[in-house]
Amino acid sequence: MISLRILSENRDNGQFKGEGGLSVLVEAFGNMFLLDTGYSNLFLHNANLLGVDLSKINVVVLTHGHSDHTNGIPYLDDGKSIILHPASFKDRWSIRKKEYVGLPMSEEKLKEKHNVFTTKDPVEFFPNCYFLGEIPMVVDFEKNGNFSTTLDEQLTQKDFTEDDSGVAINTEQGLVVMTGCGHRGVCNTIEHAKNVTGQKKIYAVFGGFHLRNLIKQKDVIDSTIEYFKQNDIKELYLGHCVTDEVIDYIEQNLPNVKITRLSAGKECGLGLEPFPENVQ
């Protein structure tokens, strides 16, 4: 069984307030971890409304170093095990907002409070749960990525966001692949997850894919939809940096796929079994 509890997301949901960020509490076969921390301390408020005590969650996986996924870090209890790509600590500025959007703490300050594990390489941090490390950009229509930041305040140094990563959970029915923003491409992320795990079946894909504009990104969106069809993906969990107009379009073109629109406070369950040991 895999459960997902959305602690921070762009969309409100009744008493659960949203923000422009992402944080998800993931339980996979008895092990729990926090995927990203959102844009503020809102993830703690929504966790409390869900009856979740985050002080008992020891593992935090950060998909990349942008502030909408990491600004909640200062509000974590000390002593967490935090997994992230080493490039997550780069200073960054938003091209759109023209403001600083890097990690809220330096590597030194973070290591003073937590057990920090930086890696470009994939790592299995729980049985059947993989941090994917650096994502190669091999899919033709995603080779330009969806990059939204620069490395200088003058907005001149392009940021290839090489720290953008994700998580793959290996199940008997196929992989559950989780992205934060998918700056390096959701399909690139899936292809890398296949190589990391040796599992070629994809059951579900979760997260933000940085697909915001149906007109400007239509070719990439259409190619992504075709990729999902070719891989016989059963479920999609879409939100954060996938806009409602894009989700509507994906729903229209994937009528046989179960599509869940994410929002703060939403709880999702996937009745999947872990991938059997010693079977490839």
Protein backbone atom coordinates (compact mmCIF):
# COMPACT_ATOMS: atom_id res chain seq x y z
CA MET A 1 0.00 0.00 0.00
CA ILE A 2 1.19 3.50 -0.87
CA SER A 3 -0.46 6.58 0.62
CA LEU A 4 0.06 10.21 -0.33
CA ARG A 5 -1.01 13.13 1.85
CA ILE A 6 -0.67 16.53 0.23
CA LEU A 7 0.61 19.02 2.82
CA SER A 8 1.38 21.93 0.48
CA GLU A 9 0.02 22.56 -3.01
CA ASN A 10 -1.09 25.46 -5.17
CA ARG A 11 -4.79 24.71 -4.76
CA ASP A 12 -6.95 25.32 -1.69
CA ASN A 13 -9.23 22.54 -0.48
CA GLY A 14 -11.84 23.58 2.10
CA GLN A 15 -10.08 24.20 5.42
CA PHE A 16 -6.75 23.25 3.84
CA LYS A 17 -5.08 26.36 2.49
CA GLY A 18 -2.83 26.22 -0.56
CA GLU A 19 0.29 28.10 -1.62
CA GLY A 20 2.62 28.13 -4.60
CA GLY A 21 4.64 25.17 -3.38
CA LEU A 22 4.69 21.40 -2.91
CA SER A 23 5.08 19.09 0.06
CA VAL A 24 3.86 15.51 0.27
CA LEU A 25 3.93 12.94 3.05
CA VAL A 26 4.54 9.56 1.44
CA GLU A 27 4.05 6.16 3.04
CA ALA A 28 5.32 3.19 1.05
CA PHE A 29 4.96 -0.29 2.51
CA GLY A 30 5.32 0.85 6.11
CA ASN A 31 8.08 3.44 5.61
CA MET A 32 7.33 7.17 5.64
CA PHE A 33 9.17 10.16 4.21
CA LEU A 34 8.49 13.79 3.44
CA LEU A 35 8.91 14.85 -0.19
CA ASP A 36 9.72 18.59 -0.22
CA THR A 37 8.62 21.16 2.36
CA GLY A 38 6.62 23.73 0.39
CA TYR A 39 7.03 27.50 0.34
CA SER A 40 6.49 28.26 4.05
CA ASN A 41 5.44 26.61 7.31
CA LEU A 42 2.01 25.88 5.82
CA PHE A 43 2.90 22.19 5.46
CA LEU A 44 2.98 21.92 9.27
CA HIS A 45 -0.46 23.52 9.61
CA ASN A 46 -2.02 21.18 7.05
CA ALA A 47 -0.26 18.16 8.58
CA ASN A 48 -1.79 19.09 11.92
CA LEU A 49 -5.26 19.28 10.35
CA LEU A 50 -4.68 15.78 8.94
CA GLY A 51 -3.63 14.51 12.37
CA VAL A 52 -0.05 13.89 11.26
CA ASP A 53 2.87 14.37 13.67
CA LEU A 54 5.80 15.30 11.42
CA SER A 55 8.24 15.18 14.34
CA LYS A 56 8.14 11.40 13.91
CA ILE A 57 9.12 11.57 10.22
CA ASN A 58 12.90 11.23 10.01
CA VAL A 59 13.59 11.19 6.25
CA VAL A 60 13.12 14.22 3.99
CA VAL A 61 13.75 14.03 0.23
CA LEU A 62 14.18 17.32 -1.63
CA THR A 63 13.51 17.20 -5.35
CA HIS A 64 15.51 20.38 -6.07
CA GLY A 65 16.71 23.60 -4.49
CA HIS A 66 13.94 26.05 -5.44
CA SER A 67 12.26 27.95 -2.63
CA ASP A 68 8.73 26.70 -3.37
CA HIS A 69 9.97 23.22 -2.41
CA THR A 70 12.45 24.09 0.33
CA ASN A 71 11.35 27.21 2.24
CA GLY A 72 9.76 24.98 4.86
CA ILE A 73 13.13 23.54 5.88
CA PRO A 74 13.76 26.02 8.75
CA TYR A 75 10.52 24.83 10.38
CA LEU A 76 11.59 21.16 10.56
CA ASP A 77 12.63 19.70 13.91
CA ASP A 78 16.39 19.19 14.09
CA GLY A 79 17.96 15.83 13.33
CA LYS A 80 16.24 14.85 10.10
CA SER A 81 18.00 12.82 7.40
CA ILE A 82 17.82 15.01 4.31
CA ILE A 83 18.59 13.66 0.83
CA LEU A 84 19.27 16.03 -2.07
CA HIS A 85 21.48 16.71 -5.08
CA PRO A 86 24.62 18.77 -4.23
CA ALA A 87 23.70 21.45 -6.80
CA SER A 88 20.57 22.24 -4.76
CA PHE A 89 22.65 24.77 -2.81
CA LYS A 90 23.29 27.05 -5.79
CA ASP A 91 22.05 30.63 -5.52
CA ARG A 92 19.11 31.20 -7.86
CA TRP A 93 16.87 33.97 -9.14
CA SER A 94 13.48 33.56 -10.80
CA ILE A 95 13.31 34.77 -14.40
CA ARG A 96 9.58 35.44 -14.03
CA LYS A 97 9.50 36.97 -10.54
CA LYS A 98 12.99 38.52 -10.63
CA GLU A 99 13.64 37.56 -7.02
CA TYR A 100 15.86 35.16 -5.08
CA VAL A 101 14.40 31.65 -5.09
CA GLY A 102 17.27 29.51 -3.81
CA LEU A 103 17.45 27.25 -0.79
CA PRO A 104 16.74 29.21 2.43
CA MET A 105 19.79 27.79 4.26
CA SER A 106 23.41 27.29 3.31
CA GLU A 107 24.86 23.80 3.20
CA GLU A 108 26.86 24.54 6.36
CA LYS A 109 23.80 25.76 8.29
CA LEU A 110 21.72 22.82 7.12
CA LYS A 111 24.40 20.37 8.25
CA GLU A 112 24.47 21.99 11.68
CA LYS A 113 20.85 20.98 12.19
CA HIS A 114 20.36 17.83 10.14
CA ASN A 115 22.02 14.73 8.73
CA VAL A 116 22.53 15.84 5.14
CA PHE A 117 23.26 13.37 2.35
CA THR A 118 24.09 14.92 -1.02
CA THR A 119 24.39 12.71 -4.08
CA LYS A 120 24.29 12.94 -7.87
CA ASP A 121 23.86 9.18 -7.98
CA PRO A 122 20.65 7.25 -7.33
CA VAL A 123 20.21 5.76 -3.88
CA GLU A 124 17.69 3.30 -2.44
CA PHE A 125 16.83 5.05 0.83
CA PHE A 126 14.05 2.63 1.85
CA PRO A 127 13.30 -0.81 0.37
CA ASN A 128 11.86 -0.20 -3.11
CA CYS A 129 12.14 3.61 -2.67
CA TYR A 130 14.78 5.37 -4.79
CA PHE A 131 16.07 8.93 -4.87
CA LEU A 132 16.86 9.25 -8.57
CA GLY A 133 19.85 11.60 -8.45
CA GLU A 134 20.77 13.55 -11.57
CA ILE A 135 18.38 13.10 -14.49
CA PRO A 136 19.94 12.66 -17.97
CA MET A 137 18.06 14.53 -20.69
CA VAL A 138 17.63 11.88 -23.37
CA VAL A 139 14.04 12.26 -24.62
CA ASP A 140 14.07 14.30 -27.85
CA PHE A 141 11.14 16.60 -27.10
CA GLU A 142 12.42 17.33 -23.57
CA LYS A 143 16.06 18.08 -24.40
CA ASN A 144 15.51 21.81 -23.78
CA GLY A 145 13.99 21.20 -20.36
CA ASN A 146 11.69 23.62 -18.53
CA PHE A 147 14.17 25.89 -16.82
CA SER A 148 12.84 28.88 -14.89
CA THR A 149 15.80 30.31 -12.96
CA THR A 150 19.20 31.91 -13.45
CA LEU A 151 22.36 31.79 -11.35
CA ASP A 152 22.83 35.54 -11.00
CA GLU A 153 20.69 38.47 -9.92
CA GLN A 154 21.17 40.09 -13.33
CA LEU A 155 19.35 37.09 -14.87
CA THR A 156 22.11 36.37 -17.37
CA GLN A 157 23.48 32.93 -16.37
CA LYS A 158 21.18 30.14 -17.49
CA ASP A 159 20.41 27.54 -14.83
CA PHE A 160 20.09 23.99 -16.16
CA THR A 161 18.72 22.85 -12.77
CA GLU A 162 20.82 19.70 -12.77
CA ASP A 163 19.65 19.06 -9.20
CA ASP A 164 16.06 18.51 -10.37
CA SER A 165 15.34 14.94 -9.37
CA GLY A 166 12.54 12.72 -8.12
CA VAL A 167 11.59 9.49 -6.41
CA ALA A 168 10.66 6.09 -7.83
CA ILE A 169 8.76 3.50 -5.81
CA ASN A 170 9.04 0.00 -7.25
CA THR A 171 5.90 -2.10 -7.00
CA GLU A 172 4.76 -5.41 -8.36
CA GLN A 173 2.41 -3.55 -10.72
CA GLY A 174 5.06 -1.09 -11.94
CA LEU A 175 6.83 2.08 -10.89
CA VAL A 176 5.28 5.04 -9.14
CA VAL A 177 7.42 7.99 -10.27
CA MET A 178 7.26 11.24 -8.30
CA THR A 179 8.55 14.60 -9.51
CA GLY A 180 8.67 18.00 -7.85
CA CYS A 181 8.60 20.29 -10.89
CA GLY A 182 10.12 18.07 -13.56
CA HIS A 183 12.35 20.88 -14.82
CA ARG A 184 14.49 18.31 -16.66
CA GLY A 185 11.36 16.73 -18.13
CA VAL A 186 8.90 14.27 -16.65
CA CYS A 187 9.56 11.73 -19.42
CA ASN A 188 13.33 12.04 -18.88
CA THR A 189 12.64 11.39 -15.20
CA ILE A 190 10.61 8.29 -16.00
CA GLU A 191 13.24 6.93 -18.39
CA HIS A 192 15.91 7.42 -15.73
CA ALA A 193 13.70 5.70 -13.13
CA LYS A 194 13.45 2.68 -15.44
CA ASN A 195 17.23 2.49 -15.71
CA VAL A 196 17.79 2.98 -11.97
CA THR A 197 15.33 0.31 -10.86
CA GLY A 198 15.43 -2.13 -13.79
CA GLN A 199 11.62 -1.94 -13.81
CA LYS A 200 10.20 -1.09 -17.23
CA LYS A 201 6.51 -0.93 -16.31
CA ILE A 202 5.14 2.42 -15.14
CA TYR A 203 1.99 2.34 -13.05
CA ALA A 204 1.59 5.96 -11.92
CA VAL A 205 3.24 9.36 -12.22
CA PHE A 206 2.86 12.09 -9.61
CA GLY A 207 3.77 15.76 -9.31
CA GLY A 208 4.40 18.94 -11.20
CA PHE A 209 5.76 18.72 -14.74
CA HIS A 210 6.27 22.46 -15.35
CA LEU A 211 3.60 22.44 -18.05
CA ARG A 212 1.80 25.76 -17.64
CA ASN A 213 0.80 27.09 -21.04
CA LEU A 214 -1.33 25.01 -23.39
CA ILE A 215 -0.57 27.24 -26.37
CA LYS A 216 3.16 27.82 -25.98
CA GLN A 217 3.92 24.26 -24.80
CA LYS A 218 1.36 22.36 -26.87
CA ASP A 219 3.90 20.32 -28.85
CA VAL A 220 5.63 19.14 -25.67
CA ILE A 221 2.28 18.46 -23.96
CA ASP A 222 1.05 16.42 -26.93
CA SER A 223 4.31 14.45 -27.01
CA THR A 224 4.08 13.85 -23.25
CA ILE A 225 0.54 12.54 -23.62
CA GLU A 226 1.67 10.19 -26.39
CA TYR A 227 4.54 8.99 -24.17
CA PHE A 228 2.06 8.24 -21.36
CA LYS A 229 -0.05 6.25 -23.83
CA GLN A 230 2.94 4.26 -25.09
CA ASN A 231 3.93 3.41 -21.53
CA ASP A 232 0.38 2.34 -20.61
CA ILE A 233 0.36 4.52 -17.49
CA LYS A 234 -2.65 3.75 -15.31
CA GLU A 235 -2.81 6.77 -13.00
CA LEU A 236 -1.67 10.40 -13.00
CA TYR A 237 -1.57 12.71 -9.99
CA LEU A 238 -1.24 16.23 -11.37
CA GLY A 239 -0.73 19.57 -9.69
CA HIS A 240 1.62 22.32 -8.55
CA CYS A 241 3.18 23.60 -11.81
CA VAL A 242 0.67 21.85 -14.09
CA THR A 243 -2.10 24.38 -14.67
CA ASP A 244 -5.80 23.53 -14.67
CA GLU A 245 -6.08 24.17 -18.41
CA VAL A 246 -3.29 21.68 -19.07
CA ILE A 247 -4.83 19.11 -16.71
CA ASP A 248 -8.17 19.54 -18.50
CA TYR A 249 -6.45 18.91 -21.84
CA ILE A 250 -4.63 15.83 -20.53
CA GLU A 251 -7.93 14.46 -19.17
CA GLN A 252 -9.58 14.94 -22.56
CA ASN A 253 -6.78 13.08 -24.34
CA LEU A 254 -6.26 10.29 -21.81
CA PRO A 255 -9.85 9.17 -21.10
CA ASN A 256 -8.77 5.72 -19.91
CA VAL A 257 -6.26 6.98 -17.35
CA LYS A 258 -7.32 7.71 -13.78
CA ILE A 259 -6.35 11.35 -13.22
CA THR A 260 -6.32 12.95 -9.77
CA ARG A 261 -6.01 16.72 -9.45
CA LEU A 262 -3.88 17.57 -6.43
CA SER A 263 -4.87 20.06 -3.73
CA ALA A 264 -3.82 20.82 -0.17
CA GLY A 265 -5.08 18.23 2.30
CA LYS A 266 -5.96 15.62 -0.34
CA GLU A 267 -5.26 12.02 0.68
CA CYS A 268 -4.64 9.38 -1.98
CA GLY A 269 -4.16 5.64 -1.65
CA LEU A 270 -2.69 3.21 -4.15
CA GLY A 271 -3.34 -0.44 -3.37
CA LEU A 272 -0.04 -1.70 -4.75
CA GLU A 273 2.31 -4.44 -3.57
CA PRO A 274 6.09 -4.02 -3.21
CA PHE A 275 8.29 -5.39 -5.94
CA PRO A 276 9.32 -8.93 -4.94
CA GLU A 277 12.89 -9.29 -3.73
CA ASN A 278 15.45 -10.92 -6.02
CA VAL A 279 13.17 -10.67 -9.04
CA GLN A 280 14.16 -8.58 -12.06
